[in-house]
Protein backbone atom coordinates (compact mmCIF):
# COMPACT_ATOMS: atom_id res chain seq x y z
CA MET A 1 91.11 81.07 102.04
CA GLU A 2 92.18 84.66 101.56
CA SER A 3 91.12 86.61 98.50
CA LYS A 4 93.43 89.30 97.12
CA THR A 5 91.79 92.35 95.62
CA LYS A 6 93.53 93.66 92.51
CA LEU A 7 93.70 97.45 92.38
CA LEU A 8 94.54 99.26 89.15
CA ASN A 9 96.49 102.51 89.17
CA THR A 10 96.13 105.43 86.77
CA LYS A 11 98.70 104.06 84.32
CA GLU A 12 96.91 100.69 84.15
CA VAL A 13 93.54 102.41 83.61
CA ALA A 14 95.06 104.52 80.80
CA GLU A 15 96.48 101.40 79.15
CA ALA A 16 93.20 99.51 79.47
CA LEU A 17 91.24 102.41 77.96
CA GLY A 18 93.87 103.26 75.36
CA CYS A 19 94.14 106.86 76.47
CA SER A 20 96.71 109.25 77.93
CA LEU A 21 97.43 109.61 81.64
CA PRO A 22 95.74 113.04 81.88
CA THR A 23 92.62 111.64 80.20
CA ALA A 24 92.61 108.62 82.54
CA ARG A 25 92.86 110.97 85.55
CA ARG A 26 89.85 112.97 84.30
CA ILE A 27 87.84 109.78 83.74
CA MET A 28 88.77 108.46 87.19
CA GLN A 29 87.43 111.66 88.77
CA ARG A 30 83.98 111.25 87.23
CA GLU A 31 81.16 110.80 89.75
CA ASP A 32 80.15 107.45 88.25
CA PHE A 33 83.69 106.00 88.37
CA PRO A 34 84.37 103.53 91.25
CA LEU A 35 87.41 105.45 92.51
CA ILE A 36 89.38 104.48 95.61
CA ARG A 37 91.75 107.10 97.02
CA VAL A 38 94.85 105.82 98.76
CA GLY A 39 96.45 108.99 100.08
CA LYS A 40 97.08 111.07 96.97
CA ASN A 41 96.96 108.01 94.71
CA MET A 42 93.90 107.06 92.71
CA LYS A 43 93.06 103.36 92.42
CA VAL A 44 90.16 101.27 91.22
CA ASN A 45 89.18 97.70 92.02
CA ALA A 46 89.78 95.66 88.85
CA GLU A 47 86.37 93.94 89.06
CA ALA A 48 84.57 97.27 89.60
CA PHE A 49 86.50 98.76 86.66
CA ASP A 50 85.48 95.87 84.40
CA GLU A 51 81.85 96.34 85.42
CA TRP A 52 82.07 100.12 84.92
CA THR A 53 83.51 99.73 81.41
CA LYS A 54 80.74 97.27 80.46
CA ASN A 55 77.95 99.60 81.59
CA ARG A 56 79.16 103.03 80.47
CA ARG A 57 80.28 104.90 77.45
CA ILE A 58 83.21 107.26 77.89
């Protein structure tokens, strides 16, 4: 059985956090953020993002 990994883009992170795109980009570039770079695009694994939001204050 194949498992699909859901990756969130910057717009989805901004919507989830209730912030602007520039703010989401700054947050995604933090050292403690589980960022995945795909070329020039910034992504985050949805499960890792959920865990990050539970354990950190912005």
